[in-house]
C-alpha atoms as a PDB file:
ATOM      1  CA  MET A   1      18.323  14.812  14.708  1.00  0.00           C
ATOM      2  CA  THR A   2      21.379  12.562  15.082  1.00  0.00           C
ATOM      3  CA  MET A   3      22.404  10.326  12.184  1.00  0.00           C
ATOM      4  CA  LYS A   4      23.114   6.656  12.759  1.00  0.00           C
ATOM      5  CA  TRP A   5      24.901   4.846   9.943  1.00  0.00           C
ATOM      6  CA  VAL A   6      23.422   1.366   9.444  1.00  0.00           C
ATOM      7  CA  GLU A   7      24.967  -1.307   7.224  1.00  0.00           C
ATOM      8  CA  VAL A   8      22.483  -2.585   4.648  1.00  0.00           C
ATOM      9  CA  GLY A   9      24.564  -4.911   2.487  1.00  0.00           C
ATOM     10  CA  SER A  10      27.052  -4.954  -0.320  1.00  0.00           C
ATOM     11  CA  LEU A  11      27.303  -2.913  -3.477  1.00  0.00           C
ATOM     12  CA  GLU A  12      27.189  -6.237  -5.326  1.00  0.00           C
ATOM     13  CA  ASP A  13      23.697  -6.879  -3.845  1.00  0.00           C
ATOM     14  CA  ILE A  14      22.293  -4.222  -6.175  1.00  0.00           C
ATOM     15  CA  PRO A  15      22.407  -4.914  -9.907  1.00  0.00           C
ATOM     16  CA  SER A  16      23.621  -2.171 -12.211  1.00  0.00           C
ATOM     17  CA  ARG A  17      20.614   0.016 -13.129  1.00  0.00           C
ATOM     18  CA  GLY A  18      18.558  -1.866 -10.541  1.00  0.00           C
ATOM     19  CA  ALA A  19      17.297  -1.630  -6.985  1.00  0.00           C
ATOM     20  CA  ARG A  20      17.130  -3.452  -3.666  1.00  0.00           C
ATOM     21  CA  CYS A  21      14.704  -2.691  -0.816  1.00  0.00           C
ATOM     22  CA  VAL A  22      15.381  -2.503   2.886  1.00  0.00           C
ATOM     23  CA  ASN A  23      12.826  -2.170   5.652  1.00  0.00           C
ATOM     24  CA  THR A  24      13.800   0.210   8.440  1.00  0.00           C
ATOM     25  CA  HIS A  25      12.049   1.727  11.437  1.00  0.00           C
ATOM     26  CA  GLU A  26      11.688   4.807   9.208  1.00  0.00           C
ATOM     27  CA  GLY A  27       9.862   2.854   6.490  1.00  0.00           C
ATOM     28  CA  ARG A  28      10.682   0.942   3.331  1.00  0.00           C
ATOM     29  CA  LEU A  29      13.627   2.359   1.390  1.00  0.00           C
ATOM     30  CA  ALA A  30      14.861   1.515  -2.084  1.00  0.00           C
ATOM     31  CA  LEU A  31      18.582   1.582  -2.832  1.00  0.00           C
ATOM     32  CA  PHE A  32      19.364   2.185  -6.490  1.00  0.00           C
ATOM     33  CA  ARG A  33      22.603   1.621  -8.397  1.00  0.00           C
ATOM     34  CA  THR A  34      23.176   3.646 -11.539  1.00  0.00           C
ATOM     35  CA  ALA A  35      25.033   2.433 -14.622  1.00  0.00           C
ATOM     36  CA  ASP A  36      28.149   4.293 -13.446  1.00  0.00           C
ATOM     37  CA  GLY A  37      28.004   2.710  -9.959  1.00  0.00           C
ATOM     38  CA  GLN A  38      26.506   5.542  -7.906  1.00  0.00           C
ATOM     39  CA  VAL A  39      24.140   4.432  -5.136  1.00  0.00           C
ATOM     40  CA  PHE A  40      21.109   6.388  -3.927  1.00  0.00           C
ATOM     41  CA  ALA A  41      18.454   5.655  -1.301  1.00  0.00           C
ATOM     42  CA  ILE A  42      14.906   7.022  -1.415  1.00  0.00           C
ATOM     43  CA  GLU A  43      11.507   6.049  -0.068  1.00  0.00           C
ATOM     44  CA  ASP A  44      10.048   3.192  -2.101  1.00  0.00           C
ATOM     45  CA  HIS A  45       6.853   4.895  -3.167  1.00  0.00           C
ATOM     46  CA  CYS A  46       6.052   7.242  -5.992  1.00  0.00           C
ATOM     47  CA  PRO A  47       4.739  10.658  -4.896  1.00  0.00           C
ATOM     48  CA  HIS A  48       1.924  10.259  -7.435  1.00  0.00           C
ATOM     49  CA  LYS A  49      -0.020   7.194  -6.290  1.00  0.00           C
ATOM     50  CA  GLY A  50       2.453   5.267  -4.166  1.00  0.00           C
ATOM     51  CA  GLY A  51       3.796   2.951  -6.866  1.00  0.00           C
ATOM     52  CA  PRO A  52       6.884   0.854  -6.013  1.00  0.00           C
ATOM     53  CA  LEU A  53       9.802   2.879  -7.349  1.00  0.00           C
ATOM     54  CA  SER A  54      12.114  -0.090  -6.690  1.00  0.00           C
ATOM     55  CA  GLN A  55      10.378  -1.855  -9.587  1.00  0.00           C
ATOM     56  CA  GLY A  56      10.925   1.068 -11.947  1.00  0.00           C
ATOM     57  CA  ILE A  57      13.469   1.651 -14.681  1.00  0.00           C
ATOM     58  CA  VAL A  58      16.715   3.396 -13.676  1.00  0.00           C
ATOM     59  CA  HIS A  59      18.128   5.818 -16.258  1.00  0.00           C
ATOM     60  CA  GLY A  60      20.908   8.226 -15.441  1.00  0.00           C
ATOM     61  CA  THR A  61      20.216   9.445 -11.910  1.00  0.00           C
ATOM     62  CA  SER A  62      16.442   9.023 -12.206  1.00  0.00           C
ATOM     63  CA  VAL A  63      13.891   6.240 -11.902  1.00  0.00           C
ATOM     64  CA  THR A  64      10.604   5.901 -13.789  1.00  0.00           C
ATOM     65  CA  CYS A  65       7.673   4.617 -11.754  1.00  0.00           C
ATOM     66  CA  PRO A  66       6.280   1.377 -13.202  1.00  0.00           C
ATOM     67  CA  LEU A  67       2.641   2.420 -12.651  1.00  0.00           C
ATOM     68  CA  HIS A  68       2.181   5.776 -14.379  1.00  0.00           C
ATOM     69  CA  ASN A  69       5.638   6.651 -15.774  1.00  0.00           C
ATOM     70  CA  TRP A  70       6.410   9.481 -13.362  1.00  0.00           C
ATOM     71  CA  VAL A  71      10.141  10.212 -13.332  1.00  0.00           C
ATOM     72  CA  VAL A  72      11.770  10.820  -9.940  1.00  0.00           C
ATOM     73  CA  SER A  73      15.278  12.167  -9.323  1.00  0.00           C
ATOM     74  CA  LEU A  74      17.380   9.776  -7.251  1.00  0.00           C
ATOM     75  CA  GLU A  75      19.493  12.747  -6.139  1.00  0.00           C
ATOM     76  CA  THR A  76      16.704  14.993  -4.830  1.00  0.00           C
ATOM     77  CA  GLY A  77      13.607  12.782  -4.595  1.00  0.00           C
ATOM     78  CA  LYS A  78      11.676  15.322  -6.676  1.00  0.00           C
ATOM     79  CA  ALA A  79       9.334  14.423  -9.503  1.00  0.00           C
ATOM     80  CA  LEU A  80      10.734  15.708 -12.794  1.00  0.00           C
ATOM     81  CA  GLY A  81       9.083  17.380 -15.759  1.00  0.00           C
ATOM     82  CA  ALA A  82       5.579  18.760 -15.328  1.00  0.00           C
ATOM     83  CA  ASP A  83       4.822  16.434 -12.397  1.00  0.00           C
ATOM     84  CA  GLU A  84       5.013  17.706  -8.818  1.00  0.00           C
ATOM     85  CA  GLY A  85       5.841  15.771  -5.677  1.00  0.00           C
ATOM     86  CA  VAL A  86       8.795  14.564  -3.660  1.00  0.00           C
ATOM     87  CA  VAL A  87       9.952  11.516  -1.731  1.00  0.00           C
ATOM     88  CA  ARG A  88      12.487  11.514   1.079  1.00  0.00           C
ATOM     89  CA  THR A  89      16.097  10.797   0.201  1.00  0.00           C
ATOM     90  CA  VAL A  90      18.537   9.137   2.597  1.00  0.00           C
ATOM     91  CA  PRO A  91      22.333   9.582   2.624  1.00  0.00           C
ATOM     92  CA  VAL A  92      24.328   6.542   1.481  1.00  0.00           C
ATOM     93  CA  ARG A  93      28.012   5.795   1.817  1.00  0.00           C
ATOM     94  CA  SER A  94      30.186   2.927   0.668  1.00  0.00           C
ATOM     95  CA  GLU A  95      33.167   1.584   2.587  1.00  0.00           C
ATOM     96  CA  GLY A  96      35.109  -1.297   1.112  1.00  0.00           C
ATOM     97  CA  GLY A  97      32.132  -2.385  -0.982  1.00  0.00           C
ATOM     98  CA  ARG A  98      29.755  -2.362   2.032  1.00  0.00           C
ATOM     99  CA  LEU A  99      26.789   0.030   1.928  1.00  0.00           C
ATOM    100  CA  PHE A 100      25.534   2.152   4.808  1.00  0.00           C
ATOM    101  CA  ILE A 101      22.478   4.409   5.066  1.00  0.00           C
ATOM    102  CA  ALA A 102      22.034   7.261   7.528  1.00  0.00           C
ATOM    103  CA  LEU A 103      18.917   6.688   9.573  1.00  0.00           C
ATOM    104  CA  GLY A 104      17.641   9.630  11.537  1.00  0.00           C
ATOM    105  CA  ALA A 105      18.898  11.928   8.775  1.00  0.00           C
ATOM    106  CA  ARG A 106      16.524  14.083   6.827  1.00  0.00           C
ATOM    107  CA  ALA A 107      18.286  14.806   3.536  1.00  0.00           C
ATOM    108  CA  GLY A 108      14.941  15.351   1.826  1.00  0.00           C
ATOM    109  CA  GLU A 109      11.482  15.478   3.380  1.00  0.00           C
ATOM    110  CA  ALA A 110       8.294  14.402   1.699  1.00  0.00           C
ATOM    111  CA  ALA A 111       6.171  17.479   1.067  1.00  0.00           C
END
């Protein structure tokens, strides 16, 4: 599948340790910004019961779902600890403070 890089806004649009959502033809994605400025994009639903990960708490390179406290890796999309499940991750790049996501890419598939 061919990747198409799509601009989705500015790094400044996402608060530190926060998230911003974008709707794409591939579904709703959440872009997260860690305390050290890294940006990750994953599907905006917890693999447990579909909770909105974008409303969760970002810590390190993980987010905790606001519904049932599942912790999901922003790097891999996998549930951490004893929980099992995965959400799709999407490549992100930054150019001059502008953020782009790779649509059509399959960095991580939902199981």
